[in-house]
Amino acid sequence: MKLTPALCVLSTIIAILLLAGATLALGQSGKDIYEFAGGVDGQWPNGAVIFDSSGSLYGVTEEGGLYSSGTVYKLNPPSEAGGPWTKEVLYDFTGGADGADPFAALVLDNTGSLYGVNGYGGALTQCAEGCGTIFQLTPPAVSGDPWTETTIYTFHNELGRIGLTVDAAGALYTAASSYTTNDTYIFKLSPPQTMGGVWTKTVLSNVAFDIVPDLVFDKVGALYGAVWSSIFKLSPPAASGGDWTLRYIYYFSGYNEDPYAGPIFDKSTGHLFGTVPYGGHTGCGGSCGAVYELAESGNVMHEENIYDFTGRRDGFFPMATVTFDSTGALYATSSFGSHFGPGSVIRLTRTQTRAWTETTLWQVIGGNFSGPVSTLVVHDGGLFGTTQRGGSGYGAVFQVDP
């Protein structure tokens, strides 16, 4: 089995936490809407899911498929309330020039095309199994015909580090590291000017090696992200063609507060929100993890832990970032629960005194290491996410109704 970035993190946790046990859900607000069967059906869904305008859901499995190199799948919503979601495999990666082992959430452009990142395959240069690719999947002109895969970028002697972020013009932003030196940089892929043309790569800035998923835009086009010790801001040039400016805007207080995921930007407040898997409450044989808020005042960033996981019903060790809904409620997941069971989905609501109140919405059903590790997505009043080892052990897509 090949270890992509997400599986490396999960494998490290498993090595540290070799304990047994499982938990049961205490509420019925959540359920698996699709359980992967492994093999040609795909296994180990990775990254958040996304939705199109019709309510269909898209995602990737890191392995499985016809060539055991991962898949891109689509789940169509039930035709009637309470019915099953129906699954289609849109593409089976071959492990050749098209890549293998997609490891991050897809992004969708305004034409309906999907884009994603593979951890292996592509050019067989210094990387023994290929360094990976960035791919585009174009929907067919006639419903039911196959989707068309195009490799728009092949990593050469470098490794993709995070997923993609797309801007209003359809340009893609991500990061890669040198295969030999670990030098890491953020770059932009601009779409071709003509159909079938070449995507143009522009390196924006070097960044620390231990960058974590993903990048996010603010209201004026600056990018924010995280490494294992700090939060950074990458500001666009004042004039076209100028240099982007990287600034580390907040440093966490040590290893125990290193984030595993980047922050999100709240447009209503201009604040950043995210999670750290350690830190906060100390009832987990260590620290249980926390949700933080970062606010800038006088060019200084101030951090506040707005919620500390307790290791009880709310679980511990949040690996994904947070999500807001349209009412301002904030949602997060924990990857592990009591007795190292599979974790929970929680909601945080701000009171009139600006304190945050936690509600545990769902304790995930499953065995060890089947908790959620991807960011939640809000759609049509529900929360959707994935578990890499949930369901029958090959991963699942779940829905929680707050």
Protein backbone atom coordinates (compact mmCIF):
# COMPACT_ATOMS: atom_id res chain seq x y z
CA MET A 1 0.00 0.00 0.00
CA LYS A 2 1.35 3.43 -0.93
CA LEU A 3 1.23 6.16 1.73
CA THR A 4 -0.10 9.49 0.53
CA PRO A 5 0.02 12.54 2.87
CA ALA A 6 -3.32 11.80 4.53
CA LEU A 7 -2.53 8.12 5.06
CA CYS A 8 0.89 9.03 6.47
CA VAL A 9 -0.81 11.14 9.14
CA LEU A 10 -3.38 8.44 9.89
CA SER A 11 -0.70 5.73 10.02
CA THR A 12 1.34 7.80 12.47
CA ILE A 13 -1.68 8.19 14.73
CA ILE A 14 -2.42 4.47 14.55
CA ALA A 15 1.16 3.67 15.54
CA ILE A 16 0.86 5.95 18.55
CA LEU A 17 -2.62 4.94 19.62
CA LEU A 18 -2.62 1.14 19.35
CA LEU A 19 -5.64 0.64 21.55
CA ALA A 20 -8.88 -1.28 21.08
CA GLY A 21 -12.52 -0.27 21.43
CA ALA A 22 -15.52 1.19 19.68
CA THR A 23 -18.31 3.60 20.48
CA LEU A 24 -21.99 3.74 19.69
CA ALA A 25 -23.93 6.79 18.57
CA LEU A 26 -25.94 8.44 21.33
CA GLY A 27 -28.11 10.30 18.83
CA GLN A 28 -29.65 9.49 15.49
CA SER A 29 -29.00 12.78 13.66
CA GLY A 30 -26.26 11.21 11.53
CA LYS A 31 -26.04 8.29 9.14
CA ASP A 32 -23.85 6.86 6.40
CA ILE A 33 -25.40 7.61 3.02
CA TYR A 34 -22.90 5.45 1.16
CA GLU A 35 -20.48 2.76 2.34
CA PHE A 36 -17.65 1.81 0.00
CA ALA A 37 -17.17 -1.88 -0.69
CA GLY A 38 -13.49 -1.81 -1.66
CA GLY A 39 -12.14 -3.30 -4.87
CA VAL A 40 -13.65 -1.83 -8.02
CA ASP A 41 -16.07 0.22 -5.90
CA GLY A 42 -13.16 2.18 -4.44
CA GLN A 43 -11.88 2.48 -0.89
CA TRP A 44 -10.65 5.09 1.58
CA PRO A 45 -12.43 8.28 0.52
CA ASN A 46 -10.13 11.24 1.04
CA GLY A 47 -10.79 14.95 1.37
CA ALA A 48 -14.07 16.81 1.65
CA VAL A 49 -16.94 16.26 -0.74
CA ILE A 50 -18.35 18.96 -3.02
CA PHE A 51 -21.79 19.59 -4.52
CA ASP A 52 -22.99 20.80 -7.90
CA SER A 53 -26.07 22.99 -8.45
CA SER A 54 -28.33 19.94 -8.85
CA GLY A 55 -27.41 18.53 -5.44
CA SER A 56 -25.13 15.74 -6.67
CA LEU A 57 -22.06 15.05 -4.54
CA TYR A 58 -18.50 14.40 -5.78
CA GLY A 59 -15.40 13.00 -4.14
CA VAL A 60 -12.38 10.73 -4.52
CA THR A 61 -11.24 7.40 -3.13
CA GLU A 62 -7.54 7.09 -2.54
CA GLU A 63 -7.36 3.47 -3.64
CA GLY A 64 -9.51 0.81 -5.30
CA GLY A 65 -11.18 1.06 -8.68
CA LEU A 66 -10.53 -0.98 -11.80
CA TYR A 67 -6.76 -0.45 -11.58
CA SER A 68 -6.40 -0.18 -7.78
CA SER A 69 -5.19 3.40 -8.23
CA GLY A 70 -8.16 5.38 -6.95
CA THR A 71 -11.39 6.77 -8.34
CA VAL A 72 -13.49 9.88 -8.77
CA TYR A 73 -17.09 9.18 -7.78
CA LYS A 74 -20.47 10.91 -7.88
CA LEU A 75 -23.42 10.35 -5.55
CA ASN A 76 -26.83 11.34 -6.90
CA PRO A 77 -29.41 12.38 -4.29
CA PRO A 78 -32.47 10.22 -3.59
CA SER A 79 -35.42 10.61 -5.95
CA GLU A 80 -37.72 10.62 -2.93
CA ALA A 81 -37.21 11.48 0.73
CA GLY A 82 -35.49 8.70 2.62
CA GLY A 83 -34.41 6.86 -0.50
CA PRO A 84 -30.85 5.75 -1.27
CA TRP A 85 -28.14 7.85 -2.86
CA THR A 86 -26.94 6.26 -6.11
CA LYS A 87 -23.25 6.08 -6.95
CA GLU A 88 -21.40 6.41 -10.23
CA VAL A 89 -17.67 6.01 -10.78
CA LEU A 90 -16.73 8.87 -13.09
CA TYR A 91 -13.11 7.85 -13.57
CA ASP A 92 -10.74 5.02 -12.62
CA PHE A 93 -7.10 6.12 -12.43
CA THR A 94 -4.71 3.71 -14.14
CA GLY A 95 -1.55 4.62 -12.24
CA GLY A 96 0.14 5.66 -15.50
CA ALA A 97 0.38 9.12 -17.02
CA ASP A 98 -3.03 10.01 -15.57
CA GLY A 99 -1.78 9.52 -12.00
CA ALA A 100 -2.85 7.47 -9.00
CA ASP A 101 -4.11 7.86 -5.44
CA PRO A 102 -6.04 11.16 -5.36
CA PHE A 103 -5.58 12.55 -1.84
CA ALA A 104 -7.51 15.82 -1.60
CA ALA A 105 -10.94 17.34 -2.17
CA LEU A 106 -12.00 18.14 -5.71
CA VAL A 107 -12.82 21.65 -6.90
CA LEU A 108 -15.54 22.49 -9.42
CA ASP A 109 -15.41 25.28 -12.01
CA ASN A 110 -18.32 27.15 -13.57
CA THR A 111 -18.40 24.80 -16.59
CA GLY A 112 -18.92 21.69 -14.46
CA SER A 113 -15.34 20.42 -14.79
CA LEU A 114 -13.69 18.82 -11.77
CA TYR A 115 -10.05 19.26 -10.71
CA GLY A 116 -7.94 17.32 -8.23
CA VAL A 117 -4.47 16.15 -7.18
CA ASN A 118 -2.91 12.68 -7.35
CA GLY A 119 -0.13 11.60 -5.00
CA TYR A 120 1.48 9.11 -7.40
CA GLY A 121 1.67 8.26 -11.08
CA GLY A 122 2.52 10.63 -13.89
CA ALA A 123 6.16 10.87 -14.94
CA LEU A 124 8.49 8.14 -13.66
CA THR A 125 11.41 10.41 -12.85
CA GLN A 126 13.05 10.46 -9.43
CA CYS A 127 9.86 9.23 -7.77
CA ALA A 128 9.81 5.43 -8.16
CA GLU A 129 6.03 5.31 -8.67
CA GLY A 130 5.64 8.74 -10.22
CA CYS A 131 5.44 12.04 -8.35
CA GLY A 132 1.75 12.67 -9.05
CA THR A 133 -0.42 14.84 -11.25
CA ILE A 134 -3.07 17.54 -11.27
CA PHE A 135 -6.03 16.44 -13.34
CA GLN A 136 -9.18 17.80 -14.95
CA LEU A 137 -12.35 15.79 -15.52
CA THR A 138 -14.70 17.24 -18.13
CA PRO A 139 -18.37 16.20 -18.16
CA PRO A 140 -19.73 14.59 -21.33
CA ALA A 141 -21.86 16.49 -23.84
CA VAL A 142 -24.37 13.62 -23.74
CA SER A 143 -25.58 12.35 -20.36
CA GLY A 144 -24.33 8.84 -19.71
CA ASP A 145 -21.22 9.12 -21.86
CA PRO A 146 -17.84 8.87 -20.08
CA TRP A 147 -16.13 11.87 -18.52
CA THR A 148 -12.85 12.98 -20.13
CA GLU A 149 -9.68 13.01 -18.03
CA THR A 150 -6.91 15.46 -18.89
CA THR A 151 -3.62 15.72 -17.01
CA ILE A 152 -3.04 19.46 -16.78
CA TYR A 153 0.15 19.29 -14.68
CA THR A 154 2.66 16.53 -13.95
CA PHE A 155 4.91 16.81 -10.92
CA HIS A 156 8.57 16.27 -11.90
CA ASN A 157 10.97 15.59 -9.01
CA GLU A 158 8.48 17.29 -6.69
CA LEU A 159 5.53 16.14 -4.63
CA GLY A 160 2.11 17.73 -4.33
CA ARG A 161 1.53 18.75 -0.72
CA ILE A 162 -2.06 19.98 -0.49
CA GLY A 163 -5.31 20.19 -2.44
CA LEU A 164 -6.44 22.87 -4.85
CA THR A 165 -8.00 26.28 -4.27
CA VAL A 166 -9.70 27.98 -7.23
CA ASP A 167 -10.20 31.72 -7.84
CA ALA A 168 -12.97 33.51 -9.75
CA ALA A 169 -10.97 33.38 -13.00
CA GLY A 170 -10.55 29.59 -12.80
CA ALA A 171 -6.87 29.64 -11.77
CA LEU A 172 -5.75 26.91 -9.37
CA TYR A 173 -3.48 27.36 -6.32
CA THR A 174 -1.59 24.63 -4.47
CA ALA A 175 1.85 23.74 -3.07
CA ALA A 176 4.64 21.28 -3.88
CA SER A 177 7.94 20.17 -2.35
CA SER A 178 11.18 19.22 -4.04
CA TYR A 179 11.67 15.44 -3.94
CA THR A 180 15.36 15.83 -3.04
CA THR A 181 15.63 18.99 -0.92
CA ASN A 182 12.15 19.40 0.63
CA ASP A 183 12.12 23.02 -0.56
CA THR A 184 8.42 23.88 -0.67
CA TYR A 185 6.59 26.54 -2.64
CA ILE A 186 3.08 27.76 -3.42
CA PHE A 187 2.24 28.04 -7.09
CA LYS A 188 -0.58 29.06 -9.39
CA LEU A 189 -1.83 27.30 -12.52
CA SER A 190 -3.56 29.71 -14.93
CA PRO A 191 -5.99 28.20 -17.45
CA PRO A 192 -5.10 28.24 -21.15
CA GLN A 193 -6.28 31.08 -23.34
CA THR A 194 -7.51 28.66 -26.00
CA MET A 195 -9.23 25.28 -25.85
CA GLY A 196 -6.68 22.51 -25.38
CA GLY A 197 -3.86 24.93 -24.57
CA VAL A 198 -1.27 24.58 -21.82
CA TRP A 199 -1.87 25.67 -18.24
CA THR A 200 0.72 28.23 -17.11
CA LYS A 201 2.61 27.72 -13.84
CA THR A 202 3.68 30.68 -11.71
CA VAL A 203 5.58 30.20 -8.45
CA LEU A 204 4.22 32.68 -5.89
CA SER A 205 6.38 32.10 -2.81
CA ASN A 206 8.51 29.64 -0.89
CA VAL A 207 6.93 28.35 2.32
CA ALA A 208 7.83 25.98 5.16
CA PHE A 209 8.06 22.28 4.28
CA ASP A 210 5.36 21.17 6.69
CA ILE A 211 2.48 23.01 5.00
CA VAL A 212 -0.93 21.46 5.74
CA PRO A 213 -4.17 21.50 3.70
CA ASP A 214 -5.49 23.84 2.36
CA LEU A 215 -5.25 27.46 1.18
CA VAL A 216 -8.17 29.87 1.54
CA PHE A 217 -8.89 33.33 0.08
CA ASP A 218 -10.02 36.40 1.98
CA LYS A 219 -12.25 39.13 0.50
CA VAL A 220 -9.41 40.96 -1.27
CA GLY A 221 -7.59 38.01 -2.84
CA ALA A 222 -4.98 37.23 -0.18
CA LEU A 223 -4.33 33.57 0.61
CA TYR A 224 -4.10 32.12 4.11
CA GLY A 225 -2.65 28.77 5.10
CA ALA A 226 -0.89 26.90 7.87
CA VAL A 227 2.29 25.00 8.58
CA TRP A 228 2.88 22.88 11.66
CA SER A 229 3.91 25.88 13.73
CA SER A 230 2.18 28.95 12.36
CA ILE A 231 -0.41 30.66 10.19
CA PHE A 232 0.71 32.63 7.13
CA LYS A 233 -0.76 35.21 4.78
CA LEU A 234 0.23 35.46 1.12
CA SER A 235 -0.77 38.85 -0.28
CA PRO A 236 -1.14 39.51 -4.02
CA PRO A 237 0.94 42.22 -5.73
CA ALA A 238 -0.37 45.77 -5.93
CA ALA A 239 0.29 45.77 -9.68
CA SER A 240 -0.06 42.93 -12.18
CA GLY A 241 3.19 41.01 -12.57
CA GLY A 242 4.56 42.02 -9.19
CA ASP A 243 5.65 39.73 -6.39
CA TRP A 244 3.36 38.11 -3.87
CA THR A 245 4.32 38.81 -0.24
CA LEU A 246 4.47 36.05 2.38
CA ARG A 247 4.12 36.95 6.04
CA TYR A 248 3.79 34.63 9.02
CA ILE A 249 1.04 36.26 11.05
CA TYR A 250 0.72 33.93 14.03
CA TYR A 251 2.99 31.41 15.76
CA PHE A 252 1.53 28.65 17.87
CA SER A 253 3.08 28.07 21.27
CA GLY A 254 4.75 24.77 20.54
CA TYR A 255 4.40 21.27 19.13
CA ASN A 256 1.26 20.58 21.13
CA GLU A 257 -0.67 23.21 19.17
CA ASP A 258 0.53 22.44 15.65
CA PRO A 259 -2.45 22.50 13.24
CA TYR A 260 -3.15 19.59 10.91
CA ALA A 261 -5.34 21.77 8.66
CA GLY A 262 -5.37 25.39 7.56
CA PRO A 263 -7.83 28.02 8.79
CA ILE A 264 -10.99 29.29 7.16
CA PHE A 265 -11.71 32.99 6.63
CA ASP A 266 -14.97 34.37 8.04
CA LYS A 267 -16.03 37.19 5.72
CA SER A 268 -18.49 38.63 8.24
CA THR A 269 -15.81 39.32 10.87
CA GLY A 270 -12.53 39.10 8.95
CA HIS A 271 -11.34 36.57 11.53
CA LEU A 272 -9.68 33.20 10.96
CA PHE A 273 -11.01 30.00 12.53
CA GLY A 274 -9.47 26.55 12.68
CA THR A 275 -8.50 23.59 14.83
CA VAL A 276 -5.45 22.17 16.55
CA PRO A 277 -5.42 18.44 17.38
CA TYR A 278 -3.65 18.98 20.68
CA GLY A 279 -3.89 21.88 23.11
CA GLY A 280 -6.92 22.83 25.13
CA HIS A 281 -8.38 20.44 27.71
CA THR A 282 -5.93 17.95 29.21
CA GLY A 283 -8.28 15.05 29.96
CA CYS A 284 -7.10 12.76 27.14
CA GLY A 285 -3.82 11.57 28.57
CA GLY A 286 -2.53 14.75 26.96
CA SER A 287 -4.42 17.58 25.33
CA CYS A 288 -7.71 16.90 23.54
CA GLY A 289 -7.59 19.57 20.83
CA ALA A 290 -9.31 22.90 20.38
CA VAL A 291 -11.11 25.25 18.01
CA TYR A 292 -9.39 28.63 17.75
CA GLU A 293 -10.26 32.11 16.53
CA LEU A 294 -7.61 34.56 15.29
CA ALA A 295 -8.37 38.30 15.16
CA GLU A 296 -6.02 41.07 14.10
CA SER A 297 -5.70 44.24 16.14
CA GLY A 298 -2.98 46.82 15.56
CA ASN A 299 -1.17 44.50 13.13
CA VAL A 300 -0.97 41.84 15.86
CA MET A 301 -2.90 38.55 15.69
CA HIS A 302 -4.62 37.47 18.88
CA GLU A 303 -5.66 33.85 19.43
CA GLU A 304 -8.57 32.66 21.52
CA ASN A 305 -9.51 29.02 22.02
CA ILE A 306 -13.27 29.23 21.60
CA TYR A 307 -13.78 25.55 22.38
CA ASP A 308 -11.68 22.85 24.05
CA PHE A 309 -12.55 19.25 23.21
CA THR A 310 -13.04 17.15 26.35
CA GLY A 311 -12.52 13.60 25.06
CA ARG A 312 -16.03 12.64 26.14
CA ARG A 313 -19.07 12.74 23.82
CA ASP A 314 -17.38 15.44 21.73
CA GLY A 315 -14.28 13.27 21.17
CA PHE A 316 -10.75 14.52 20.68
CA PHE A 317 -8.02 15.09 18.09
CA PRO A 318 -9.67 17.27 15.40
CA MET A 319 -7.76 16.76 12.14
CA ALA A 320 -9.95 18.85 9.79
CA THR A 321 -10.74 22.55 9.81
CA VAL A 322 -14.12 24.06 10.67
CA THR A 323 -17.18 25.06 8.64
CA PHE A 324 -19.77 27.84 9.04
CA ASP A 325 -23.41 27.73 8.01
CA SER A 326 -25.50 30.73 6.89
CA THR A 327 -26.64 31.46 10.47
CA GLY A 328 -23.10 31.80 11.82
CA ALA A 329 -23.05 28.43 13.57
CA LEU A 330 -19.71 26.68 13.36
CA TYR A 331 -19.20 22.92 12.87
CA ALA A 332 -16.19 20.75 13.60
CA THR A 333 -15.27 17.09 13.86
CA SER A 334 -13.11 15.02 16.16
CA SER A 335 -11.31 12.05 14.68
CA PHE A 336 -11.36 9.94 17.84
CA GLY A 337 -13.88 9.40 20.62
CA SER A 338 -13.85 7.88 24.07
CA HIS A 339 -11.79 4.66 24.25
CA PHE A 340 -10.29 5.75 20.91
CA GLY A 341 -13.56 5.14 19.10
CA PRO A 342 -14.45 6.98 15.89
CA GLY A 343 -15.10 10.59 16.93
CA SER A 344 -17.97 13.06 16.70
CA VAL A 345 -19.55 15.95 14.84
CA ILE A 346 -20.16 19.07 16.95
CA ARG A 347 -21.84 22.44 16.54
CA LEU A 348 -20.71 25.70 18.16
CA THR A 349 -23.16 28.61 18.45
CA ARG A 350 -22.28 32.08 19.68
CA THR A 351 -24.39 33.47 22.53
CA GLN A 352 -25.34 37.10 23.13
CA THR A 353 -22.34 37.38 25.45
CA ARG A 354 -20.15 36.19 22.54
CA ALA A 355 -19.32 32.94 24.31
CA TRP A 356 -19.65 29.73 22.29
CA THR A 357 -21.95 26.86 23.25
CA GLU A 358 -21.18 23.30 22.11
CA THR A 359 -23.68 20.64 21.04
CA THR A 360 -22.57 17.14 20.08
CA LEU A 361 -24.70 16.29 17.04
CA TRP A 362 -23.47 12.78 16.29
CA GLN A 363 -21.08 10.23 17.67
CA VAL A 364 -19.92 8.24 14.66
CA ILE A 365 -20.64 4.51 14.70
CA GLY A 366 -17.68 2.27 13.92
CA GLY A 367 -14.45 0.72 15.09
CA ASN A 368 -11.02 2.17 15.64
CA PHE A 369 -9.81 4.89 13.30
CA SER A 370 -13.13 5.20 11.46
CA GLY A 371 -13.78 8.78 12.57
CA PRO A 372 -14.09 11.77 10.23
CA VAL A 373 -10.85 13.30 8.96
CA SER A 374 -12.22 15.65 6.27
CA THR A 375 -13.82 19.08 6.51
CA LEU A 376 -17.60 19.13 6.72
CA VAL A 377 -19.63 20.64 3.88
CA VAL A 378 -22.99 22.34 4.47
CA HIS A 379 -25.61 21.62 1.81
CA ASP A 380 -29.39 22.04 1.85
CA GLY A 381 -29.46 22.20 5.64
CA GLY A 382 -27.34 19.07 6.14
CA LEU A 383 -23.71 18.40 6.95
CA PHE A 384 -21.75 16.00 4.77
CA GLY A 385 -18.35 14.42 5.29
CA THR A 386 -16.27 11.27 4.88
CA THR A 387 -14.63 8.66 7.06
CA GLN A 388 -11.61 6.89 5.60
CA ARG A 389 -12.12 3.60 7.45
CA GLY A 390 -15.81 3.79 8.39
CA GLY A 391 -18.70 1.73 7.07
CA SER A 392 -17.49 -1.82 6.42
CA GLY A 393 -13.86 -0.73 6.78
CA TYR A 394 -13.37 0.83 3.35
CA GLY A 395 -14.76 4.26 4.20
CA ALA A 396 -18.11 6.00 3.97
CA VAL A 397 -19.86 9.27 3.11
CA PHE A 398 -22.10 10.47 5.94
CA GLN A 399 -24.84 13.04 6.48
CA VAL A 400 -25.72 14.80 9.74
CA ASP A 401 -28.91 16.83 10.15
CA PRO A 402 -28.22 19.55 12.74
